[in-house]
């Protein structure tokens, strides 16, 4: 298996050079392999979201080495990071961040539009296929306000998969959903993980869902206390 994510000695500090400087990640070593489905767990304030943001190239680490899909990110400029993030990483958040003025179809097409600079037939075909797979073939023209919370999250999953990313990062994707809808969303992520062999890292406070993952990484006070190494092949 190939490593999709490799972190070595990752540290993150905020307020560097000020009296209130604080380090929130302390030498993180984590590796995710192709096709893995991994839960990231830990108490509130433990550094889960910061770690996810660094892996997703939304924040730079203060120290350490981060490789995504075999590419060392240390020397990349902002434009290169943006391109790598857009084509390699799919995000699913607790708050789905759908664009309210656009339809479900247009929301799912958005990553391709951003990547290519304009909509095209291929992007629309891919968006229609994804929405059908998440059970929303009849809701293409509906805006987010016309969809339930579970349906909106399914649109968000379809959007995250629009460019066939090798890595899916999900930050509490079921946190606002009832148990039935949470199970549906989780099952969809598992299905896509199995079908595409993309790596999936999911932050969750739900021990029931974490137990269904192949592996669990636990972080406490900015340190990995369990599960940082990849599962044996």
C-alpha atoms as a PDB file:
ATOM      1  CA  UNK A   1       0.000   0.000   0.000  1.00  0.00           C
ATOM      2  CA  UNK A   2       1.130   3.544  -0.706  1.00  0.00           C
ATOM      3  CA  UNK A   3       1.191   6.241   1.961  1.00  0.00           C
ATOM      4  CA  UNK A   4      -1.262   9.011   1.134  1.00  0.00           C
ATOM      5  CA  UNK A   5      -0.400  11.032   4.252  1.00  0.00           C
ATOM      6  CA  UNK A   6       2.892  11.007   6.150  1.00  0.00           C
ATOM      7  CA  UNK A   7       3.585  13.337   9.068  1.00  0.00           C
ATOM      8  CA  UNK A   8       6.900  13.341  10.905  1.00  0.00           C
ATOM      9  CA  UNK A   9       7.527  15.451  14.000  1.00  0.00           C
ATOM     10  CA  UNK A  10       4.722  17.884  13.215  1.00  0.00           C
ATOM     11  CA  UNK A  11       4.453  20.800  15.619  1.00  0.00           C
ATOM     12  CA  UNK A  12       2.062  23.738  15.534  1.00  0.00           C
ATOM     13  CA  UNK A  13       2.303  26.908  17.577  1.00  0.00           C
ATOM     14  CA  UNK A  14       0.109  29.986  17.587  1.00  0.00           C
ATOM     15  CA  UNK A  15       1.151  33.493  18.579  1.00  0.00           C
ATOM     16  CA  UNK A  16       4.817  32.854  17.843  1.00  0.00           C
ATOM     17  CA  UNK A  17       6.920  35.795  19.023  1.00  0.00           C
ATOM     18  CA  UNK A  18       4.259  37.083  21.409  1.00  0.00           C
ATOM     19  CA  UNK A  19       3.843  36.672  25.195  1.00  0.00           C
ATOM     20  CA  UNK A  20       0.869  34.340  24.629  1.00  0.00           C
ATOM     21  CA  UNK A  21       2.622  31.920  22.242  1.00  0.00           C
ATOM     22  CA  UNK A  22       1.400  28.370  22.696  1.00  0.00           C
ATOM     23  CA  UNK A  23       2.241  25.058  21.064  1.00  0.00           C
ATOM     24  CA  UNK A  24      -0.861  22.948  20.405  1.00  0.00           C
ATOM     25  CA  UNK A  25       0.662  20.000  18.529  1.00  0.00           C
ATOM     26  CA  UNK A  26       3.790  18.398  19.949  1.00  0.00           C
ATOM     27  CA  UNK A  27       5.748  16.210  17.547  1.00  0.00           C
ATOM     28  CA  UNK A  28       2.971  14.353  15.716  1.00  0.00           C
ATOM     29  CA  UNK A  29       3.885  11.225  13.722  1.00  0.00           C
ATOM     30  CA  UNK A  30       1.010   9.824  11.652  1.00  0.00           C
ATOM     31  CA  UNK A  31       0.739   7.819   8.467  1.00  0.00           C
ATOM     32  CA  UNK A  32      -2.362   6.972   6.417  1.00  0.00           C
ATOM     33  CA  UNK A  33      -2.259   4.370   3.695  1.00  0.00           C
ATOM     34  CA  UNK A  34      -4.268   4.100   0.499  1.00  0.00           C
ATOM     35  CA  UNK A  35      -7.707   2.648   1.215  1.00  0.00           C
ATOM     36  CA  UNK A  36      -7.588   3.107   4.996  1.00  0.00           C
ATOM     37  CA  UNK A  37     -10.654   4.314   6.891  1.00  0.00           C
ATOM     38  CA  UNK A  38      -9.445   5.870  10.133  1.00  0.00           C
ATOM     39  CA  UNK A  39     -11.115   7.610  13.064  1.00  0.00           C
ATOM     40  CA  UNK A  40      -9.406  10.551  14.771  1.00  0.00           C
ATOM     41  CA  UNK A  41     -10.672  10.800  18.348  1.00  0.00           C
ATOM     42  CA  UNK A  42      -9.881  12.775  21.471  1.00  0.00           C
ATOM     43  CA  UNK A  43     -11.378  15.276  23.908  1.00  0.00           C
ATOM     44  CA  UNK A  44     -12.366  18.796  22.889  1.00  0.00           C
ATOM     45  CA  UNK A  45      -9.310  21.024  22.635  1.00  0.00           C
ATOM     46  CA  UNK A  46      -6.948  18.114  22.084  1.00  0.00           C
ATOM     47  CA  UNK A  47      -5.789  19.355  18.678  1.00  0.00           C
ATOM     48  CA  UNK A  48      -7.955  17.250  16.347  1.00  0.00           C
ATOM     49  CA  UNK A  49      -9.164  20.115  14.162  1.00  0.00           C
ATOM     50  CA  UNK A  50      -5.700  21.688  14.005  1.00  0.00           C
ATOM     51  CA  UNK A  51      -4.223  18.378  12.897  1.00  0.00           C
ATOM     52  CA  UNK A  52      -6.958  17.935  10.298  1.00  0.00           C
ATOM     53  CA  UNK A  53      -6.352  21.460   8.976  1.00  0.00           C
ATOM     54  CA  UNK A  54      -2.629  20.752   8.602  1.00  0.00           C
ATOM     55  CA  UNK A  55      -3.239  17.454   6.809  1.00  0.00           C
ATOM     56  CA  UNK A  56      -5.761  19.246   4.578  1.00  0.00           C
ATOM     57  CA  UNK A  57      -3.199  21.956   3.750  1.00  0.00           C
ATOM     58  CA  UNK A  58      -5.365  24.675   5.255  1.00  0.00           C
ATOM     59  CA  UNK A  59      -2.643  25.526   7.795  1.00  0.00           C
ATOM     60  CA  UNK A  60       1.120  25.112   7.705  1.00  0.00           C
ATOM     61  CA  UNK A  61       2.913  23.347  10.549  1.00  0.00           C
ATOM     62  CA  UNK A  62       5.429  25.301  12.596  1.00  0.00           C
ATOM     63  CA  UNK A  63       7.911  22.429  12.356  1.00  0.00           C
ATOM     64  CA  UNK A  64       8.126  18.889  11.018  1.00  0.00           C
ATOM     65  CA  UNK A  65       7.573  17.250   7.656  1.00  0.00           C
ATOM     66  CA  UNK A  66       4.279  16.651   5.840  1.00  0.00           C
ATOM     67  CA  UNK A  67       3.909  14.645   2.639  1.00  0.00           C
ATOM     68  CA  UNK A  68       0.620  14.296   0.763  1.00  0.00           C
ATOM     69  CA  UNK A  69       0.351  11.656  -1.964  1.00  0.00           C
ATOM     70  CA  UNK A  70       4.126  11.317  -1.929  1.00  0.00           C
ATOM     71  CA  UNK A  71       4.770  15.039  -2.329  1.00  0.00           C
ATOM     72  CA  UNK A  72       6.729  16.918   0.322  1.00  0.00           C
ATOM     73  CA  UNK A  73       4.766  20.100   1.032  1.00  0.00           C
ATOM     74  CA  UNK A  74       7.530  22.050   2.783  1.00  0.00           C
ATOM     75  CA  UNK A  75       8.754  23.958  -0.246  1.00  0.00           C
ATOM     76  CA  UNK A  76       5.403  24.557  -1.910  1.00  0.00           C
ATOM     77  CA  UNK A  77       4.051  28.064  -2.381  1.00  0.00           C
ATOM     78  CA  UNK A  78       0.443  29.003  -1.722  1.00  0.00           C
ATOM     79  CA  UNK A  79      -0.630  28.456  -5.326  1.00  0.00           C
ATOM     80  CA  UNK A  80       0.968  25.003  -5.377  1.00  0.00           C
ATOM     81  CA  UNK A  81      -0.636  24.096  -2.045  1.00  0.00           C
ATOM     82  CA  UNK A  82      -4.023  25.236  -3.326  1.00  0.00           C
ATOM     83  CA  UNK A  83      -3.661  23.096  -6.460  1.00  0.00           C
ATOM     84  CA  UNK A  84      -2.524  20.037  -4.482  1.00  0.00           C
ATOM     85  CA  UNK A  85      -5.361  20.474  -1.974  1.00  0.00           C
ATOM     86  CA  UNK A  86      -8.000  20.945  -4.654  1.00  0.00           C
ATOM     87  CA  UNK A  87      -6.997  17.871  -6.637  1.00  0.00           C
ATOM     88  CA  UNK A  88      -6.022  15.510  -3.815  1.00  0.00           C
ATOM     89  CA  UNK A  89      -8.210  16.302  -0.792  1.00  0.00           C
ATOM     90  CA  UNK A  90     -11.982  16.197  -0.364  1.00  0.00           C
ATOM     91  CA  UNK A  91     -13.482  17.854   2.727  1.00  0.00           C
ATOM     92  CA  UNK A  92     -16.703  17.021   4.563  1.00  0.00           C
ATOM     93  CA  UNK A  93     -17.504  19.250   7.541  1.00  0.00           C
ATOM     94  CA  UNK A  94     -20.025  19.125  10.382  1.00  0.00           C
ATOM     95  CA  UNK A  95     -21.574  22.272   8.910  1.00  0.00           C
ATOM     96  CA  UNK A  96     -21.777  21.358   5.258  1.00  0.00           C
ATOM     97  CA  UNK A  97     -21.046  24.892   3.940  1.00  0.00           C
ATOM     98  CA  UNK A  98     -23.212  24.499   0.853  1.00  0.00           C
ATOM     99  CA  UNK A  99     -23.699  27.672  -1.153  1.00  0.00           C
ATOM    100  CA  UNK A 100     -27.325  28.651  -0.432  1.00  0.00           C
ATOM    101  CA  UNK A 101     -27.974  30.424  -3.723  1.00  0.00           C
ATOM    102  CA  UNK A 102     -26.966  27.412  -5.826  1.00  0.00           C
ATOM    103  CA  UNK A 103     -28.761  24.129  -6.502  1.00  0.00           C
ATOM    104  CA  UNK A 104     -27.543  20.751  -5.276  1.00  0.00           C
ATOM    105  CA  UNK A 105     -26.191  20.047  -8.765  1.00  0.00           C
ATOM    106  CA  UNK A 106     -24.331  23.359  -8.921  1.00  0.00           C
ATOM    107  CA  UNK A 107     -22.880  22.851  -5.439  1.00  0.00           C
ATOM    108  CA  UNK A 108     -21.459  19.471  -6.432  1.00  0.00           C
ATOM    109  CA  UNK A 109     -20.054  20.928  -9.648  1.00  0.00           C
ATOM    110  CA  UNK A 110     -18.305  23.756  -7.786  1.00  0.00           C
ATOM    111  CA  UNK A 111     -14.904  22.039  -7.213  1.00  0.00           C
ATOM    112  CA  UNK A 112     -14.625  21.272 -10.917  1.00  0.00           C
ATOM    113  CA  UNK A 113     -15.683  24.809 -11.837  1.00  0.00           C
ATOM    114  CA  UNK A 114     -13.010  26.223  -9.514  1.00  0.00           C
ATOM    115  CA  UNK A 115     -10.399  23.813 -10.862  1.00  0.00           C
ATOM    116  CA  UNK A 116     -11.167  24.430 -14.538  1.00  0.00           C
ATOM    117  CA  UNK A 117     -12.402  28.006 -14.407  1.00  0.00           C
ATOM    118  CA  UNK A 118     -15.776  27.240 -15.985  1.00  0.00           C
ATOM    119  CA  UNK A 119     -18.532  24.621 -15.922  1.00  0.00           C
ATOM    120  CA  UNK A 120     -18.394  21.865 -18.526  1.00  0.00           C
ATOM    121  CA  UNK A 121     -20.329  18.799 -19.573  1.00  0.00           C
ATOM    122  CA  UNK A 122     -17.922  16.416 -17.852  1.00  0.00           C
ATOM    123  CA  UNK A 123     -18.318  18.214 -14.510  1.00  0.00           C
ATOM    124  CA  UNK A 124     -22.097  18.156 -14.807  1.00  0.00           C
ATOM    125  CA  UNK A 125     -22.120  14.459 -15.734  1.00  0.00           C
ATOM    126  CA  UNK A 126     -19.912  13.615 -12.746  1.00  0.00           C
ATOM    127  CA  UNK A 127     -22.107  15.691 -10.390  1.00  0.00           C
ATOM    128  CA  UNK A 128     -25.279  13.989 -11.629  1.00  0.00           C
ATOM    129  CA  UNK A 129     -23.698  10.551 -11.133  1.00  0.00           C
ATOM    130  CA  UNK A 130     -22.581  11.377  -7.597  1.00  0.00           C
ATOM    131  CA  UNK A 131     -25.937  12.801  -6.572  1.00  0.00           C
ATOM    132  CA  UNK A 132     -27.624   9.676  -7.899  1.00  0.00           C
ATOM    133  CA  UNK A 133     -25.239   7.524  -5.853  1.00  0.00           C
ATOM    134  CA  UNK A 134     -26.106   9.392  -2.652  1.00  0.00           C
ATOM    135  CA  UNK A 135     -29.821   8.995  -3.380  1.00  0.00           C
ATOM    136  CA  UNK A 136     -30.547  12.533  -4.549  1.00  0.00           C
ATOM    137  CA  UNK A 137     -31.176  12.060  -8.263  1.00  0.00           C
ATOM    138  CA  UNK A 138     -34.571  13.739  -7.844  1.00  0.00           C
ATOM    139  CA  UNK A 139     -33.177  16.739  -5.965  1.00  0.00           C
ATOM    140  CA  UNK A 140     -30.705  18.122  -8.500  1.00  0.00           C
ATOM    141  CA  UNK A 141     -32.432  21.481  -8.818  1.00  0.00           C
ATOM    142  CA  UNK A 142     -33.217  22.014  -5.147  1.00  0.00           C
ATOM    143  CA  UNK A 143     -31.380  24.580  -3.064  1.00  0.00           C
ATOM    144  CA  UNK A 144     -29.939  23.661   0.345  1.00  0.00           C
ATOM    145  CA  UNK A 145     -32.828  25.326   2.184  1.00  0.00           C
ATOM    146  CA  UNK A 146     -35.194  22.864   0.495  1.00  0.00           C
ATOM    147  CA  UNK A 147     -33.268  19.821   1.773  1.00  0.00           C
ATOM    148  CA  UNK A 148     -33.140  18.148   5.176  1.00  0.00           C
ATOM    149  CA  UNK A 149     -29.937  18.151   7.209  1.00  0.00           C
ATOM    150  CA  UNK A 150     -29.124  14.596   6.173  1.00  0.00           C
ATOM    151  CA  UNK A 151     -29.763  15.385   2.521  1.00  0.00           C
ATOM    152  CA  UNK A 152     -27.551  18.463   2.709  1.00  0.00           C
ATOM    153  CA  UNK A 153     -24.735  16.381   4.163  1.00  0.00           C
ATOM    154  CA  UNK A 154     -25.133  13.871   1.330  1.00  0.00           C
ATOM    155  CA  UNK A 155     -24.757  16.756  -1.139  1.00  0.00           C
ATOM    156  CA  UNK A 156     -21.608  17.774   0.752  1.00  0.00           C
ATOM    157  CA  UNK A 157     -20.208  14.245   0.417  1.00  0.00           C
ATOM    158  CA  UNK A 158     -20.940  14.251  -3.322  1.00  0.00           C
ATOM    159  CA  UNK A 159     -19.184  17.632  -3.610  1.00  0.00           C
ATOM    160  CA  UNK A 160     -16.153  16.304  -1.709  1.00  0.00           C
ATOM    161  CA  UNK A 161     -15.854  13.459  -4.232  1.00  0.00           C
ATOM    162  CA  UNK A 162     -16.297  15.586  -7.357  1.00  0.00           C
ATOM    163  CA  UNK A 163     -12.626  15.470  -8.362  1.00  0.00           C
ATOM    164  CA  UNK A 164     -12.043  11.870  -7.188  1.00  0.00           C
ATOM    165  CA  UNK A 165      -9.691  12.830  -4.335  1.00  0.00           C
ATOM    166  CA  UNK A 166      -7.155  10.359  -2.965  1.00  0.00           C
ATOM    167  CA  UNK A 167      -7.814  11.634   0.568  1.00  0.00           C
ATOM    168  CA  UNK A 168     -11.125  12.438   2.265  1.00  0.00           C
ATOM    169  CA  UNK A 169     -11.085  14.454   5.484  1.00  0.00           C
ATOM    170  CA  UNK A 170     -14.323  14.527   7.460  1.00  0.00           C
ATOM    171  CA  UNK A 171     -14.642  16.755  10.535  1.00  0.00           C
ATOM    172  CA  UNK A 172     -17.597  15.570  12.658  1.00  0.00           C
ATOM    173  CA  UNK A 173     -19.679  14.931   9.511  1.00  0.00           C
ATOM    174  CA  UNK A 174     -22.502  13.356  11.542  1.00  0.00           C
ATOM    175  CA  UNK A 175     -22.369  15.755  14.505  1.00  0.00           C
ATOM    176  CA  UNK A 176     -25.598  17.581  13.633  1.00  0.00           C
ATOM    177  CA  UNK A 177     -27.584  14.550  12.495  1.00  0.00           C
ATOM    178  CA  UNK A 178     -29.941  12.119  14.180  1.00  0.00           C
ATOM    179  CA  UNK A 179     -28.784   8.515  14.546  1.00  0.00           C
ATOM    180  CA  UNK A 180     -30.488   7.263  11.378  1.00  0.00           C
ATOM    181  CA  UNK A 181     -29.110  10.076   9.205  1.00  0.00           C
ATOM    182  CA  UNK A 182     -25.684   9.723  10.839  1.00  0.00           C
ATOM    183  CA  UNK A 183     -25.585   6.044   9.929  1.00  0.00           C
ATOM    184  CA  UNK A 184     -26.590   6.823   6.336  1.00  0.00           C
ATOM    185  CA  UNK A 185     -23.828   9.429   5.976  1.00  0.00           C
ATOM    186  CA  UNK A 186     -21.247   7.146   7.580  1.00  0.00           C
ATOM    187  CA  UNK A 187     -22.262   4.246   5.330  1.00  0.00           C
ATOM    188  CA  UNK A 188     -21.848   6.461   2.258  1.00  0.00           C
ATOM    189  CA  UNK A 189     -18.309   7.404   3.304  1.00  0.00           C
ATOM    190  CA  UNK A 190     -17.485   3.736   3.867  1.00  0.00           C
ATOM    191  CA  UNK A 191     -18.931   2.827   0.468  1.00  0.00           C
ATOM    192  CA  UNK A 192     -16.882   5.415  -1.384  1.00  0.00           C
ATOM    193  CA  UNK A 193     -13.785   4.440   0.581  1.00  0.00           C
ATOM    194  CA  UNK A 194     -14.175   0.817  -0.504  1.00  0.00           C
ATOM    195  CA  UNK A 195     -14.994   1.690  -4.114  1.00  0.00           C
ATOM    196  CA  UNK A 196     -12.248   4.249  -4.720  1.00  0.00           C
ATOM    197  CA  UNK A 197      -9.499   3.108  -2.320  1.00  0.00           C
ATOM    198  CA  UNK A 198      -9.143   6.699  -1.173  1.00  0.00           C
ATOM    199  CA  UNK A 199      -7.873   7.174   2.362  1.00  0.00           C
ATOM    200  CA  UNK A 200     -10.460   8.583   4.771  1.00  0.00           C
ATOM    201  CA  UNK A 201      -9.751  10.294   8.094  1.00  0.00           C
ATOM    202  CA  UNK A 202     -12.869  11.078  10.095  1.00  0.00           C
ATOM    203  CA  UNK A 203     -13.000  13.136  13.285  1.00  0.00           C
ATOM    204  CA  UNK A 204     -15.806  11.890  15.493  1.00  0.00           C
ATOM    205  CA  UNK A 205     -16.945  11.999  19.111  1.00  0.00           C
ATOM    206  CA  UNK A 206     -19.265   9.045  18.493  1.00  0.00           C
ATOM    207  CA  UNK A 207     -17.607   5.877  19.859  1.00  0.00           C
ATOM    208  CA  UNK A 208     -20.141   3.760  17.985  1.00  0.00           C
ATOM    209  CA  UNK A 209     -18.966   5.134  14.647  1.00  0.00           C
ATOM    210  CA  UNK A 210     -15.287   5.142  15.626  1.00  0.00           C
ATOM    211  CA  UNK A 211     -15.563   1.427  16.396  1.00  0.00           C
ATOM    212  CA  UNK A 212     -16.610   0.783  12.781  1.00  0.00           C
ATOM    213  CA  UNK A 213     -13.378   2.279  11.398  1.00  0.00           C
ATOM    214  CA  UNK A 214     -10.387   0.125  10.471  1.00  0.00           C
ATOM    215  CA  UNK A 215      -8.140   2.030  12.840  1.00  0.00           C
ATOM    216  CA  UNK A 216      -8.422   4.646  15.562  1.00  0.00           C
ATOM    217  CA  UNK A 217      -5.941   7.449  16.199  1.00  0.00           C
ATOM    218  CA  UNK A 218      -6.301   9.065  19.603  1.00  0.00           C
ATOM    219  CA  UNK A 219      -4.904  12.501  20.353  1.00  0.00           C
ATOM    220  CA  UNK A 220      -4.731  14.021  23.846  1.00  0.00           C
ATOM    221  CA  UNK A 221      -3.240  17.434  24.653  1.00  0.00           C
ATOM    222  CA  UNK A 222      -1.652  17.687  21.237  1.00  0.00           C
ATOM    223  CA  UNK A 223       0.065  14.290  21.341  1.00  0.00           C
ATOM    224  CA  UNK A 224      -0.815  10.997  19.673  1.00  0.00           C
ATOM    225  CA  UNK A 225      -1.355   8.470  22.443  1.00  0.00           C
ATOM    226  CA  UNK A 226      -2.584   5.551  20.331  1.00  0.00           C
ATOM    227  CA  UNK A 227      -2.776   4.432  16.711  1.00  0.00           C
ATOM    228  CA  UNK A 228      -0.403   6.769  14.858  1.00  0.00           C
ATOM    229  CA  UNK A 229       1.276   4.012  12.876  1.00  0.00           C
ATOM    230  CA  UNK A 230      -0.380   2.518   9.818  1.00  0.00           C
ATOM    231  CA  UNK A 231      -2.084  -0.838  10.094  1.00  0.00           C
ATOM    232  CA  UNK A 232       0.037  -3.803   8.999  1.00  0.00           C
ATOM    233  CA  UNK A 233      -0.424  -4.824   5.383  1.00  0.00           C
END
